[in-house]
Amino acid sequence: MIRTLLVDDEYLALNLLEAYVQQVPDLELIGKEKLPMKALERLQQGQVDLLFLDIQMPVLSGNNLLKTLQNPPLVVFTTAYTEYAIEAYDLNVVDYLLKPFPFERFLQAVHKVKQLLNARQSGSTGESTTAPDFLSLKVDGKLVKVFLEDILYIEGLKEYVRFVCSGNRRYVTLESLRNLEEQLPVQQFSRVHKSYIVAKTKVSALDGNMLEIGTVKIPISRGKRDEVVADIFR
């Protein structure tokens, strides 16, 4: 169980987060705090694995609260403001949720948390947690091995997806971007649009609201630009 603390100065936001947490079996809600100083006392006692933290709060902002912690838990920022995205990633937060965010977006953040916790746990036991370095795809009746390092981007095509790889190789298989997003390591790949997942290291530039991978331009979903920039270009 992932011991989870919620901190937000708005009751409606706290109640929504609580409802989301209660729908995820792996999350154990150990408290919710409206006052940042009360939350700080709780955090200094330890026993928190995951913190959902609002930024704009009276007396002590979320980012300043985080800076006071010597051994912070994993943190997901929840805010209505985009301008803190770069600072959030400088503080090494796991994710940055822009209010109002749907349950699906909340689950994406939880998935990132689980990956990091699994990596830490496996590292402490001496086991390797590196994700498999390839995917096995069913393409035209064949089983094809596609190495992660070769993937440039993945495009959703309704019930199918298209893998575009280096060397002008393309593979179409029956799959969903949602399933792939859960399988692919978040350190290497980012869902930047409802129809696209990109390999972070293959992105060469940002032009307005479009990412450049070679000569191809990939759109960024409306409202996700700051989050994507912080994730890929930090």
C-alpha atoms as a PDB file:
ATOM      1  CA  MET A   1       0.000   0.000   0.000  1.00  0.00           C
ATOM      2  CA  ILE A   2       1.180   3.515  -0.855  1.00  0.00           C
ATOM      3  CA  ARG A   3       0.575   5.766   2.157  1.00  0.00           C
ATOM      4  CA  THR A   4      -0.898   8.942   0.697  1.00  0.00           C
ATOM      5  CA  LEU A   5      -1.312  12.425   2.171  1.00  0.00           C
ATOM      6  CA  LEU A   6      -3.432  15.156   0.528  1.00  0.00           C
ATOM      7  CA  VAL A   7      -2.698  18.848   1.047  1.00  0.00           C
ATOM      8  CA  ASP A   8      -4.895  21.592  -0.413  1.00  0.00           C
ATOM      9  CA  ASP A   9      -6.446  24.707   1.081  1.00  0.00           C
ATOM     10  CA  GLU A  10      -9.734  24.114  -0.773  1.00  0.00           C
ATOM     11  CA  TYR A  11     -12.190  21.579   0.626  1.00  0.00           C
ATOM     12  CA  LEU A  12     -13.662  20.779  -2.797  1.00  0.00           C
ATOM     13  CA  ALA A  13     -10.220  19.933  -4.161  1.00  0.00           C
ATOM     14  CA  LEU A  14      -9.457  17.775  -1.118  1.00  0.00           C
ATOM     15  CA  ASN A  15     -12.742  15.914  -1.430  1.00  0.00           C
ATOM     16  CA  LEU A  16     -12.201  15.256  -5.124  1.00  0.00           C
ATOM     17  CA  LEU A  17      -8.700  13.917  -4.482  1.00  0.00           C
ATOM     18  CA  GLU A  18     -10.020  11.734  -1.678  1.00  0.00           C
ATOM     19  CA  ALA A  19     -12.645  10.287  -4.024  1.00  0.00           C
ATOM     20  CA  TYR A  20      -9.941   9.553  -6.604  1.00  0.00           C
ATOM     21  CA  VAL A  21      -7.646   7.914  -4.039  1.00  0.00           C
ATOM     22  CA  GLN A  22     -10.447   5.681  -2.786  1.00  0.00           C
ATOM     23  CA  GLN A  23     -10.868   4.250  -6.291  1.00  0.00           C
ATOM     24  CA  VAL A  24      -7.245   3.037  -6.467  1.00  0.00           C
ATOM     25  CA  PRO A  25      -6.676  -0.138  -4.403  1.00  0.00           C
ATOM     26  CA  ASP A  26      -2.921   0.461  -4.035  1.00  0.00           C
ATOM     27  CA  LEU A  27      -3.374   3.859  -2.367  1.00  0.00           C
ATOM     28  CA  GLU A  28      -3.979   4.171   1.380  1.00  0.00           C
ATOM     29  CA  LEU A  29      -5.268   7.592   2.428  1.00  0.00           C
ATOM     30  CA  ILE A  30      -3.578   8.430   5.722  1.00  0.00           C
ATOM     31  CA  GLY A  31      -4.758  12.016   5.943  1.00  0.00           C
ATOM     32  CA  LYS A  32      -5.823  15.226   4.274  1.00  0.00           C
ATOM     33  CA  GLU A  33      -4.795  18.662   5.439  1.00  0.00           C
ATOM     34  CA  LYS A  34      -6.142  22.100   4.558  1.00  0.00           C
ATOM     35  CA  LEU A  35      -3.459  24.010   6.475  1.00  0.00           C
ATOM     36  CA  PRO A  36       0.101  23.738   5.114  1.00  0.00           C
ATOM     37  CA  MET A  37       1.688  24.086   8.569  1.00  0.00           C
ATOM     38  CA  LYS A  38      -0.365  21.134   9.835  1.00  0.00           C
ATOM     39  CA  ALA A  39       0.756  19.168   6.802  1.00  0.00           C
ATOM     40  CA  LEU A  40       4.375  20.072   7.512  1.00  0.00           C
ATOM     41  CA  GLU A  41       4.096  18.679  11.049  1.00  0.00           C
ATOM     42  CA  ARG A  42       2.687  15.449   9.659  1.00  0.00           C
ATOM     43  CA  LEU A  43       5.382  15.155   7.005  1.00  0.00           C
ATOM     44  CA  GLN A  44       8.164  15.712   9.509  1.00  0.00           C
ATOM     45  CA  GLN A  45       6.928  12.653  11.376  1.00  0.00           C
ATOM     46  CA  GLY A  46       7.538  10.519   8.266  1.00  0.00           C
ATOM     47  CA  GLN A  47       5.364   7.530   7.265  1.00  0.00           C
ATOM     48  CA  VAL A  48       4.232   9.228   4.026  1.00  0.00           C
ATOM     49  CA  ASP A  49       5.034   7.595   0.682  1.00  0.00           C
ATOM     50  CA  LEU A  50       3.116   9.923  -1.623  1.00  0.00           C
ATOM     51  CA  LEU A  51       2.067  13.547  -1.273  1.00  0.00           C
ATOM     52  CA  PHE A  52      -0.502  15.288  -3.473  1.00  0.00           C
ATOM     53  CA  LEU A  53       0.363  18.939  -2.864  1.00  0.00           C
ATOM     54  CA  ASP A  54      -1.319  22.164  -3.914  1.00  0.00           C
ATOM     55  CA  ILE A  55       1.021  25.073  -4.696  1.00  0.00           C
ATOM     56  CA  GLN A  56      -0.981  28.244  -4.051  1.00  0.00           C
ATOM     57  CA  MET A  57      -1.755  28.161  -0.315  1.00  0.00           C
ATOM     58  CA  PRO A  58      -1.742  30.822   2.411  1.00  0.00           C
ATOM     59  CA  VAL A  59       1.186  31.208   4.841  1.00  0.00           C
ATOM     60  CA  LEU A  60       3.314  28.531   3.162  1.00  0.00           C
ATOM     61  CA  SER A  61       3.143  27.671  -0.533  1.00  0.00           C
ATOM     62  CA  GLY A  62       3.413  24.083  -1.651  1.00  0.00           C
ATOM     63  CA  ASN A  63       6.775  24.538  -3.349  1.00  0.00           C
ATOM     64  CA  ASN A  64       8.246  26.254  -0.290  1.00  0.00           C
ATOM     65  CA  LEU A  65       6.810  23.529   1.955  1.00  0.00           C
ATOM     66  CA  LEU A  66       8.558  20.947  -0.181  1.00  0.00           C
ATOM     67  CA  LYS A  67      11.858  22.844   0.051  1.00  0.00           C
ATOM     68  CA  THR A  68      11.782  22.596   3.856  1.00  0.00           C
ATOM     69  CA  LEU A  69      11.700  18.775   3.854  1.00  0.00           C
ATOM     70  CA  GLN A  70      15.016  16.962   4.222  1.00  0.00           C
ATOM     71  CA  ASN A  71      13.619  13.593   3.097  1.00  0.00           C
ATOM     72  CA  PRO A  72      10.477  14.350   1.117  1.00  0.00           C
ATOM     73  CA  PRO A  73       8.128  11.607  -0.086  1.00  0.00           C
ATOM     74  CA  LEU A  74       7.228  11.300  -3.736  1.00  0.00           C
ATOM     75  CA  VAL A  75       5.299  14.426  -4.666  1.00  0.00           C
ATOM     76  CA  VAL A  76       2.620  15.220  -7.236  1.00  0.00           C
ATOM     77  CA  PHE A  77       1.776  18.907  -7.520  1.00  0.00           C
ATOM     78  CA  THR A  78      -1.890  19.832  -8.034  1.00  0.00           C
ATOM     79  CA  THR A  79      -2.497  23.398  -9.159  1.00  0.00           C
ATOM     80  CA  ALA A  80      -4.581  25.631 -11.383  1.00  0.00           C
ATOM     81  CA  TYR A  81      -1.485  27.550 -12.510  1.00  0.00           C
ATOM     82  CA  THR A  82       0.874  26.602 -15.334  1.00  0.00           C
ATOM     83  CA  GLU A  83       3.722  28.956 -14.455  1.00  0.00           C
ATOM     84  CA  TYR A  84       5.162  26.685 -11.763  1.00  0.00           C
ATOM     85  CA  ALA A  85       5.820  23.717 -14.080  1.00  0.00           C
ATOM     86  CA  ILE A  86       9.535  24.354 -14.563  1.00  0.00           C
ATOM     87  CA  GLU A  87      10.143  24.901 -10.843  1.00  0.00           C
ATOM     88  CA  ALA A  88       8.160  21.761 -10.072  1.00  0.00           C
ATOM     89  CA  TYR A  89      10.478  19.624 -12.131  1.00  0.00           C
ATOM     90  CA  ASP A  90      13.500  21.389 -10.655  1.00  0.00           C
ATOM     91  CA  LEU A  91      12.162  20.139  -7.312  1.00  0.00           C
ATOM     92  CA  ASN A  92      12.069  16.627  -8.777  1.00  0.00           C
ATOM     93  CA  VAL A  93       8.343  16.117  -8.370  1.00  0.00           C
ATOM     94  CA  VAL A  94       6.855  13.039 -10.007  1.00  0.00           C
ATOM     95  CA  ASP A  95       4.071  14.816 -11.873  1.00  0.00           C
ATOM     96  CA  TYR A  96       2.286  18.142 -12.271  1.00  0.00           C
ATOM     97  CA  LEU A  97      -1.524  18.014 -12.444  1.00  0.00           C
ATOM     98  CA  LEU A  98      -3.362  21.055 -13.739  1.00  0.00           C
ATOM     99  CA  LYS A  99      -6.777  21.596 -12.176  1.00  0.00           C
ATOM    100  CA  PRO A 100      -9.356  20.541 -13.039  1.00  0.00           C
ATOM    101  CA  PHE A 101      -7.898  17.156 -13.933  1.00  0.00           C
ATOM    102  CA  PRO A 102      -9.955  14.011 -14.723  1.00  0.00           C
ATOM    103  CA  PHE A 103      -9.548  10.653 -13.000  1.00  0.00           C
ATOM    104  CA  GLU A 104      -7.661   9.289 -16.027  1.00  0.00           C
ATOM    105  CA  ARG A 105      -4.974  11.953 -15.645  1.00  0.00           C
ATOM    106  CA  PHE A 106      -4.780  11.210 -11.913  1.00  0.00           C
ATOM    107  CA  LEU A 107      -4.187   7.528 -12.731  1.00  0.00           C
ATOM    108  CA  GLN A 108      -1.303   8.466 -15.031  1.00  0.00           C
ATOM    109  CA  ALA A 109       0.389  10.235 -12.126  1.00  0.00           C
ATOM    110  CA  VAL A 110      -0.192   7.244  -9.847  1.00  0.00           C
ATOM    111  CA  HIS A 111       1.326   4.965 -12.482  1.00  0.00           C
ATOM    112  CA  LYS A 112       4.495   7.083 -12.515  1.00  0.00           C
ATOM    113  CA  VAL A 113       4.641   6.871  -8.719  1.00  0.00           C
ATOM    114  CA  LYS A 114       4.302   3.087  -8.797  1.00  0.00           C
ATOM    115  CA  GLN A 115       7.139   2.778 -11.307  1.00  0.00           C
ATOM    116  CA  LEU A 116       9.453   4.852  -9.127  1.00  0.00           C
ATOM    117  CA  LEU A 117       8.533   2.997  -5.932  1.00  0.00           C
ATOM    118  CA  ASN A 118       9.038  -0.359  -7.636  1.00  0.00           C
ATOM    119  CA  ALA A 119      12.430   0.771  -8.882  1.00  0.00           C
ATOM    120  CA  ARG A 120      13.462   1.874  -5.392  1.00  0.00           C
ATOM    121  CA  GLN A 121      12.232  -1.321  -3.781  1.00  0.00           C
ATOM    122  CA  SER A 122      13.957  -3.531  -6.322  1.00  0.00           C
ATOM    123  CA  GLY A 123      17.135  -1.531  -6.011  1.00  0.00           C
ATOM    124  CA  SER A 124      17.167  -2.115  -2.240  1.00  0.00           C
ATOM    125  CA  THR A 125      16.909  -5.882  -2.755  1.00  0.00           C
ATOM    126  CA  GLY A 126      19.585  -5.923  -5.427  1.00  0.00           C
ATOM    127  CA  GLU A 127      17.151  -6.869  -8.183  1.00  0.00           C
ATOM    128  CA  SER A 128      17.177  -5.195 -11.536  1.00  0.00           C
ATOM    129  CA  THR A 129      14.153  -3.008 -12.285  1.00  0.00           C
ATOM    130  CA  THR A 130      15.100  -1.789 -15.688  1.00  0.00           C
ATOM    131  CA  ALA A 131      12.190  -2.170 -18.065  1.00  0.00           C
ATOM    132  CA  PRO A 132      12.568  -4.668 -20.916  1.00  0.00           C
ATOM    133  CA  ASP A 133      14.526  -3.017 -23.711  1.00  0.00           C
ATOM    134  CA  PHE A 134      12.098  -4.167 -26.401  1.00  0.00           C
ATOM    135  CA  LEU A 135       8.418  -4.762 -27.160  1.00  0.00           C
ATOM    136  CA  SER A 136       7.081  -7.825 -28.942  1.00  0.00           C
ATOM    137  CA  LEU A 137       4.488  -6.755 -31.523  1.00  0.00           C
ATOM    138  CA  LYS A 138       2.172  -8.804 -33.690  1.00  0.00           C
ATOM    139  CA  VAL A 139       2.564  -7.333 -37.172  1.00  0.00           C
ATOM    140  CA  ASP A 140       1.076  -8.943 -40.293  1.00  0.00           C
ATOM    141  CA  GLY A 141       0.996 -12.372 -38.697  1.00  0.00           C
ATOM    142  CA  LYS A 142       4.572 -12.161 -37.431  1.00  0.00           C
ATOM    143  CA  LEU A 143       5.951 -11.515 -33.958  1.00  0.00           C
ATOM    144  CA  VAL A 144       8.329  -8.562 -34.293  1.00  0.00           C
ATOM    145  CA  LYS A 145      10.832  -7.397 -31.683  1.00  0.00           C
ATOM    146  CA  VAL A 146      10.971  -3.580 -31.527  1.00  0.00           C
ATOM    147  CA  PHE A 147      13.728  -2.125 -29.357  1.00  0.00           C
ATOM    148  CA  LEU A 148      12.758   0.886 -27.245  1.00  0.00           C
ATOM    149  CA  GLU A 149      15.867   2.818 -28.264  1.00  0.00           C
ATOM    150  CA  ASP A 150      14.744   2.624 -31.911  1.00  0.00           C
ATOM    151  CA  ILE A 151      11.279   4.098 -31.341  1.00  0.00           C
ATOM    152  CA  LEU A 152      10.843   7.705 -32.473  1.00  0.00           C
ATOM    153  CA  TYR A 153       7.141   8.073 -31.713  1.00  0.00           C
ATOM    154  CA  ILE A 154       3.903   6.083 -31.552  1.00  0.00           C
ATOM    155  CA  GLU A 155       0.708   7.252 -33.218  1.00  0.00           C
ATOM    156  CA  GLY A 156      -2.797   6.150 -32.243  1.00  0.00           C
ATOM    157  CA  LEU A 157      -5.040   4.960 -35.103  1.00  0.00           C
ATOM    158  CA  LYS A 158      -8.336   4.150 -33.359  1.00  0.00           C
ATOM    159  CA  GLU A 159      -8.028   0.414 -32.522  1.00  0.00           C
ATOM    160  CA  TYR A 160      -4.467   0.270 -33.870  1.00  0.00           C
ATOM    161  CA  VAL A 161      -1.196   2.069 -33.235  1.00  0.00           C
ATOM    162  CA  ARG A 162       1.698   2.864 -35.556  1.00  0.00           C
ATOM    163  CA  PHE A 163       5.266   2.611 -34.289  1.00  0.00           C
ATOM    164  CA  VAL A 164       7.623   4.882 -36.210  1.00  0.00           C
ATOM    165  CA  CYS A 165      11.228   3.829 -35.690  1.00  0.00           C
ATOM    166  CA  SER A 166      14.684   4.818 -36.837  1.00  0.00           C
ATOM    167  CA  GLY A 167      15.713   3.632 -40.277  1.00  0.00           C
ATOM    168  CA  ASN A 168      12.264   4.599 -41.633  1.00  0.00           C
ATOM    169  CA  ARG A 169      10.739   1.431 -40.163  1.00  0.00           C
ATOM    170  CA  ARG A 170       7.035   1.441 -39.351  1.00  0.00           C
ATOM    171  CA  TYR A 171       4.913  -1.177 -37.608  1.00  0.00           C
ATOM    172  CA  VAL A 172       1.115  -1.199 -37.242  1.00  0.00           C
ATOM    173  CA  THR A 173      -0.372  -3.429 -34.568  1.00  0.00           C
ATOM    174  CA  LEU A 174      -3.652  -3.909 -32.717  1.00  0.00           C
ATOM    175  CA  GLU A 175      -3.082  -2.011 -29.457  1.00  0.00           C
ATOM    176  CA  SER A 176      -4.104   1.147 -27.582  1.00  0.00           C
ATOM    177  CA  LEU A 177      -1.991   4.113 -26.575  1.00  0.00           C
ATOM    178  CA  ARG A 178      -3.392   3.830 -23.050  1.00  0.00           C
ATOM    179  CA  ASN A 179      -2.009   0.323 -22.613  1.00  0.00           C
ATOM    180  CA  LEU A 180       1.329   1.318 -24.102  1.00  0.00           C
ATOM    181  CA  GLU A 181       1.533   4.337 -21.816  1.00  0.00           C
ATOM    182  CA  GLU A 182       1.301   1.979 -18.835  1.00  0.00           C
ATOM    183  CA  GLN A 183       3.961  -0.357 -20.220  1.00  0.00           C
ATOM    184  CA  LEU A 184       6.580   2.116 -21.441  1.00  0.00           C
ATOM    185  CA  PRO A 185       9.079   3.593 -18.951  1.00  0.00           C
ATOM    186  CA  VAL A 186       8.129   7.164 -18.077  1.00  0.00           C
ATOM    187  CA  GLN A 187      11.802   8.135 -18.026  1.00  0.00           C
ATOM    188  CA  GLN A 188      11.990   7.489 -21.774  1.00  0.00           C
ATOM    189  CA  PHE A 189       8.520   8.175 -23.167  1.00  0.00           C
ATOM    190  CA  SER A 190       5.882  10.882 -22.787  1.00  0.00           C
ATOM    191  CA  ARG A 191       2.212  11.006 -23.809  1.00  0.00           C
ATOM    192  CA  VAL A 192       2.060  14.487 -25.339  1.00  0.00           C
ATOM    193  CA  HIS A 193      -1.282  14.230 -27.136  1.00  0.00           C
ATOM    194  CA  LYS A 194      -4.303  11.935 -27.164  1.00  0.00           C
ATOM    195  CA  SER A 195      -2.896  10.440 -30.383  1.00  0.00           C
ATOM    196  CA  TYR A 196       0.857  10.498 -29.736  1.00  0.00           C
ATOM    197  CA  ILE A 197       3.543   9.106 -27.444  1.00  0.00           C
ATOM    198  CA  VAL A 198       7.072  10.358 -28.142  1.00  0.00           C
ATOM    199  CA  ALA A 199      10.531   9.150 -27.198  1.00  0.00           C
ATOM    200  CA  LYS A 200      11.905  12.047 -25.153  1.00  0.00           C
ATOM    201  CA  THR A 201      15.487  11.805 -26.389  1.00  0.00           C
ATOM    202  CA  LYS A 202      14.349  11.792 -30.032  1.00  0.00           C
ATOM    203  CA  VAL A 203      12.694  15.217 -29.742  1.00  0.00           C
ATOM    204  CA  SER A 204      15.029  17.813 -31.243  1.00  0.00           C
ATOM    205  CA  ALA A 205      13.030  21.035 -30.954  1.00  0.00           C
ATOM    206  CA  LEU A 206       9.791  22.767 -29.968  1.00  0.00           C
ATOM    207  CA  ASP A 207       8.103  25.040 -32.515  1.00  0.00           C
ATOM    208  CA  GLY A 208       5.074  26.747 -31.036  1.00  0.00           C
ATOM    209  CA  ASN A 209       2.810  23.889 -30.006  1.00  0.00           C
ATOM    210  CA  MET A 210       4.605  21.276 -32.103  1.00  0.00           C
ATOM    211  CA  LEU A 211       7.467  18.945 -31.204  1.00  0.00           C
ATOM    212  CA  GLU A 212      10.018  18.177 -33.900  1.00  0.00           C
ATOM    213  CA  ILE A 213      11.361  14.656 -34.373  1.00  0.00           C
ATOM    214  CA  GLY A 214      13.491  14.706 -37.487  1.00  0.00           C
ATOM    215  CA  THR A 215      11.318  16.282 -40.172  1.00  0.00           C
ATOM    216  CA  VAL A 216       8.063  15.249 -38.460  1.00  0.00           C
ATOM    217  CA  LYS A 217       6.059  17.616 -36.275  1.00  0.00           C
ATOM    218  CA  ILE A 218       4.034  16.156 -33.397  1.00  0.00           C
ATOM    219  CA  PRO A 219       1.217  18.227 -31.818  1.00  0.00           C
ATOM    220  CA  ILE A 220       0.970  18.836 -28.077  1.00  0.00           C
ATOM    221  CA  SER A 221      -2.452  18.662 -26.454  1.00  0.00           C
ATOM    222  CA  ARG A 222      -4.005  21.968 -25.535  1.00  0.00           C
ATOM    223  CA  GLY A 223      -3.125  22.890 -21.964  1.00  0.00           C
ATOM    224  CA  LYS A 224      -0.207  20.415 -21.708  1.00  0.00           C
ATOM    225  CA  ARG A 225       2.517  22.560 -23.273  1.00  0.00           C
ATOM    226  CA  ASP A 226       4.197  23.679 -20.031  1.00  0.00           C
ATOM    227  CA  GLU A 227       4.030  20.162 -18.607  1.00  0.00           C
ATOM    228  CA  VAL A 228       5.551  18.679 -21.767  1.00  0.00           C
ATOM    229  CA  VAL A 229       8.295  21.306 -21.946  1.00  0.00           C
ATOM    230  CA  ALA A 230       9.243  20.641 -18.331  1.00  0.00           C
ATOM    231  CA  ASP A 231       9.228  16.880 -18.904  1.00  0.00           C
ATOM    232  CA  ILE A 232      11.214  16.798 -22.156  1.00  0.00           C
ATOM    233  CA  PHE A 233      13.444  19.871 -22.123  1.00  0.00           C
ATOM    234  CA  ARG A 234      14.407  20.171 -18.459  1.00  0.00           C
END
